[in-house]
Amino acid sequence: MKWQGKSGRKATGGRLRSTRSKRKHEIGRDTVEAHIGTIKRLKLRVMGGGEKISLYRGDVANVTDPKTGKTQVVEIQTVEANPANQHYVRRNILMRGAVIRTKLGKAKINNRPGQDGIVNAVLIE
């Protein structure tokens, strides 16, 4: 569990004395690291009563060709690169900014699969 309340330290590094303890509404969720595999999604209730679809595993992506504007659903073969963390490439984690290999070529993911429930990408070759 993550706590999304105010820090116990000032910007200068000095200690802040809290006037109250932690509250339940300040709890945050752990990040969902979507992997390559058979599709598995989960519906989550979010603050305000809305719903968020979280992708745990996915094997297809909506890939758009920027030259033609055409979008196709293609199978994800592997994760090629990830500027956020090189170790995510070894674990085949699908996240925003990651470069994936498909049958159409390399594509960059431009959405957040852990929060959207799908993978959208744009061809970069």
C-alpha atoms as a PDB file:
ATOM      1  CA  MET A   1       0.000   0.000   0.000  1.00  0.00           C
ATOM      2  CA  LYS A   2       1.115   3.532  -0.719  1.00  0.00           C
ATOM      3  CA  TRP A   3       0.419   6.581   1.389  1.00  0.00           C
ATOM      4  CA  GLN A   4      -0.339   9.733  -0.572  1.00  0.00           C
ATOM      5  CA  GLY A   5      -0.432  12.187   2.293  1.00  0.00           C
ATOM      6  CA  LYS A   6       1.902  15.057   3.081  1.00  0.00           C
ATOM      7  CA  SER A   7       5.575  14.282   3.731  1.00  0.00           C
ATOM      8  CA  GLY A   8       7.008  14.403   7.236  1.00  0.00           C
ATOM      9  CA  ARG A   9       9.849  16.626   5.995  1.00  0.00           C
ATOM     10  CA  LYS A  10      10.058  20.225   4.833  1.00  0.00           C
ATOM     11  CA  ALA A  11      11.657  21.173   1.490  1.00  0.00           C
ATOM     12  CA  THR A  12      14.788  22.134   3.430  1.00  0.00           C
ATOM     13  CA  GLY A  13      14.948  18.683   5.058  1.00  0.00           C
ATOM     14  CA  GLY A  14      13.720  19.792   8.458  1.00  0.00           C
ATOM     15  CA  ARG A  15      11.163  17.728  10.348  1.00  0.00           C
ATOM     16  CA  LEU A  16       7.461  18.604  10.307  1.00  0.00           C
ATOM     17  CA  ARG A  17       5.316  17.756  13.319  1.00  0.00           C
ATOM     18  CA  SER A  18       2.013  16.376  12.037  1.00  0.00           C
ATOM     19  CA  THR A  19      -1.184  17.545  13.744  1.00  0.00           C
ATOM     20  CA  ARG A  20      -3.002  14.334  12.827  1.00  0.00           C
ATOM     21  CA  SER A  21      -2.406  10.719  11.821  1.00  0.00           C
ATOM     22  CA  LYS A  22      -2.833   9.028   8.432  1.00  0.00           C
ATOM     23  CA  ARG A  23      -6.330   8.712   6.932  1.00  0.00           C
ATOM     24  CA  LYS A  24      -7.881   5.889   4.912  1.00  0.00           C
ATOM     25  CA  HIS A  25      -8.670   8.160   1.942  1.00  0.00           C
ATOM     26  CA  GLU A  26      -4.944   8.931   1.616  1.00  0.00           C
ATOM     27  CA  ILE A  27      -4.091   5.298   0.770  1.00  0.00           C
ATOM     28  CA  GLY A  28      -2.956   4.737  -2.809  1.00  0.00           C
ATOM     29  CA  ARG A  29      -2.810   1.619  -4.966  1.00  0.00           C
ATOM     30  CA  ASP A  30       0.335  -0.199  -6.040  1.00  0.00           C
ATOM     31  CA  THR A  31       1.276   0.295  -9.693  1.00  0.00           C
ATOM     32  CA  VAL A  32       0.119  -2.338 -12.160  1.00  0.00           C
ATOM     33  CA  GLU A  33       2.933  -3.621 -14.349  1.00  0.00           C
ATOM     34  CA  ALA A  34       1.276  -5.067 -17.460  1.00  0.00           C
ATOM     35  CA  HIS A  35       3.110  -8.049 -18.961  1.00  0.00           C
ATOM     36  CA  ILE A  36       2.946  -9.812 -22.333  1.00  0.00           C
ATOM     37  CA  GLY A  37       0.590 -12.807 -22.147  1.00  0.00           C
ATOM     38  CA  THR A  38      -3.031 -13.870 -22.591  1.00  0.00           C
ATOM     39  CA  ILE A  39      -5.335 -10.942 -21.856  1.00  0.00           C
ATOM     40  CA  LYS A  40      -6.238 -10.433 -18.200  1.00  0.00           C
ATOM     41  CA  ARG A  41      -8.050  -7.285 -17.044  1.00  0.00           C
ATOM     42  CA  LEU A  42      -9.505  -6.143 -13.745  1.00  0.00           C
ATOM     43  CA  LYS A  43     -12.164  -3.513 -13.064  1.00  0.00           C
ATOM     44  CA  LEU A  44     -11.338  -1.233 -10.135  1.00  0.00           C
ATOM     45  CA  ARG A  45     -13.554   1.228  -8.303  1.00  0.00           C
ATOM     46  CA  VAL A  46     -11.938   4.645  -8.069  1.00  0.00           C
ATOM     47  CA  MET A  47     -12.637   7.713  -5.964  1.00  0.00           C
ATOM     48  CA  GLY A  48     -15.964   9.268  -6.876  1.00  0.00           C
ATOM     49  CA  GLY A  49     -17.556   5.917  -7.764  1.00  0.00           C
ATOM     50  CA  GLY A  50     -16.058   5.638 -11.251  1.00  0.00           C
ATOM     51  CA  GLU A  51     -14.365   2.605 -12.737  1.00  0.00           C
ATOM     52  CA  LYS A  52     -10.842   2.049 -14.035  1.00  0.00           C
ATOM     53  CA  ILE A  53      -9.936  -0.985 -16.143  1.00  0.00           C
ATOM     54  CA  SER A  54      -6.480  -2.265 -15.330  1.00  0.00           C
ATOM     55  CA  LEU A  55      -4.506  -4.461 -17.735  1.00  0.00           C
ATOM     56  CA  TYR A  56      -2.432  -7.174 -16.051  1.00  0.00           C
ATOM     57  CA  ARG A  57      -1.501  -9.115 -19.193  1.00  0.00           C
ATOM     58  CA  GLY A  58      -1.983  -8.313 -22.862  1.00  0.00           C
ATOM     59  CA  ASP A  59      -0.849  -9.773 -26.165  1.00  0.00           C
ATOM     60  CA  VAL A  60      -2.303  -7.323 -28.710  1.00  0.00           C
ATOM     61  CA  ALA A  61      -1.887  -3.602 -29.389  1.00  0.00           C
ATOM     62  CA  ASN A  62      -3.756  -0.987 -31.412  1.00  0.00           C
ATOM     63  CA  VAL A  63      -0.934   0.223 -33.668  1.00  0.00           C
ATOM     64  CA  THR A  64      -1.372   3.412 -35.702  1.00  0.00           C
ATOM     65  CA  ASP A  65       0.686   4.240 -38.794  1.00  0.00           C
ATOM     66  CA  PRO A  66       1.299   8.019 -38.634  1.00  0.00           C
ATOM     67  CA  LYS A  67       1.801   8.282 -42.418  1.00  0.00           C
ATOM     68  CA  THR A  68      -1.557   6.777 -43.399  1.00  0.00           C
ATOM     69  CA  GLY A  69      -3.499   7.316 -40.159  1.00  0.00           C
ATOM     70  CA  LYS A  70      -4.635   3.681 -40.307  1.00  0.00           C
ATOM     71  CA  THR A  71      -4.897   1.681 -37.065  1.00  0.00           C
ATOM     72  CA  GLN A  72      -4.576  -2.105 -36.848  1.00  0.00           C
ATOM     73  CA  VAL A  73      -4.830  -4.602 -34.007  1.00  0.00           C
ATOM     74  CA  VAL A  74      -1.575  -6.584 -34.074  1.00  0.00           C
ATOM     75  CA  GLU A  75       0.110  -9.110 -31.807  1.00  0.00           C
ATOM     76  CA  ILE A  76       2.920  -7.906 -29.517  1.00  0.00           C
ATOM     77  CA  GLN A  77       6.057  -9.999 -29.981  1.00  0.00           C
ATOM     78  CA  THR A  78       8.388  -8.504 -27.357  1.00  0.00           C
ATOM     79  CA  VAL A  79       9.512  -5.314 -25.617  1.00  0.00           C
ATOM     80  CA  GLU A  80      12.536  -3.826 -27.425  1.00  0.00           C
ATOM     81  CA  ALA A  81      13.440  -0.813 -25.270  1.00  0.00           C
ATOM     82  CA  ASN A  82      12.243   1.235 -22.332  1.00  0.00           C
ATOM     83  CA  PRO A  83      13.782   4.626 -21.467  1.00  0.00           C
ATOM     84  CA  ALA A  84      12.312   4.498 -17.936  1.00  0.00           C
ATOM     85  CA  ASN A  85      14.123   1.336 -16.822  1.00  0.00           C
ATOM     86  CA  GLN A  86      16.225  -1.180 -18.751  1.00  0.00           C
ATOM     87  CA  HIS A  87      15.150  -4.001 -16.402  1.00  0.00           C
ATOM     88  CA  TYR A  88      11.540  -3.622 -17.618  1.00  0.00           C
ATOM     89  CA  VAL A  89      12.721  -4.810 -21.064  1.00  0.00           C
ATOM     90  CA  ARG A  90      13.947  -8.122 -19.632  1.00  0.00           C
ATOM     91  CA  ARG A  91      10.629  -8.619 -17.827  1.00  0.00           C
ATOM     92  CA  ASN A  92       8.539  -7.629 -20.927  1.00  0.00           C
ATOM     93  CA  ILE A  93       6.587  -4.961 -19.052  1.00  0.00           C
ATOM     94  CA  LEU A  94       4.192  -2.864 -21.137  1.00  0.00           C
ATOM     95  CA  MET A  95       4.148   0.770 -20.059  1.00  0.00           C
ATOM     96  CA  ARG A  96       3.999   4.245 -21.554  1.00  0.00           C
ATOM     97  CA  GLY A  97       7.095   5.089 -23.574  1.00  0.00           C
ATOM     98  CA  ALA A  98       8.174   1.468 -24.076  1.00  0.00           C
ATOM     99  CA  VAL A  99       9.134   0.379 -27.611  1.00  0.00           C
ATOM    100  CA  ILE A 100       7.509  -2.904 -28.669  1.00  0.00           C
ATOM    101  CA  ARG A 101       8.152  -5.161 -31.662  1.00  0.00           C
ATOM    102  CA  THR A 102       5.143  -6.145 -33.782  1.00  0.00           C
ATOM    103  CA  LYS A 103       4.714  -7.671 -37.240  1.00  0.00           C
ATOM    104  CA  LEU A 104       4.335  -4.124 -38.636  1.00  0.00           C
ATOM    105  CA  GLY A 105       7.659  -3.048 -37.090  1.00  0.00           C
ATOM    106  CA  LYS A 106       8.700  -1.200 -33.949  1.00  0.00           C
ATOM    107  CA  ALA A 107       6.049   0.872 -32.184  1.00  0.00           C
ATOM    108  CA  LYS A 108       6.047   3.169 -29.152  1.00  0.00           C
ATOM    109  CA  ILE A 109       3.305   2.785 -26.516  1.00  0.00           C
ATOM    110  CA  ASN A 110       1.572   6.125 -25.989  1.00  0.00           C
ATOM    111  CA  ASN A 111      -0.993   5.277 -23.302  1.00  0.00           C
ATOM    112  CA  ARG A 112      -0.867   3.795 -19.796  1.00  0.00           C
ATOM    113  CA  PRO A 113      -1.990   0.135 -20.094  1.00  0.00           C
ATOM    114  CA  GLY A 114      -2.085  -0.343 -16.315  1.00  0.00           C
ATOM    115  CA  GLN A 115      -4.774   2.341 -16.127  1.00  0.00           C
ATOM    116  CA  ASP A 116      -6.517   2.106 -19.527  1.00  0.00           C
ATOM    117  CA  GLY A 117      -6.957  -1.652 -19.999  1.00  0.00           C
ATOM    118  CA  ILE A 118      -5.619  -1.602 -23.592  1.00  0.00           C
ATOM    119  CA  VAL A 119      -2.327  -0.951 -25.394  1.00  0.00           C
ATOM    120  CA  ASN A 120      -2.188   1.883 -27.937  1.00  0.00           C
ATOM    121  CA  ALA A 121       1.000   2.425 -29.936  1.00  0.00           C
ATOM    122  CA  VAL A 122       2.394   4.443 -32.862  1.00  0.00           C
ATOM    123  CA  LEU A 123       4.797   3.050 -35.463  1.00  0.00           C
ATOM    124  CA  ILE A 124       8.264   4.593 -35.265  1.00  0.00           C
ATOM    125  CA  GLU A 125       9.852   2.949 -38.338  1.00  0.00           C
END
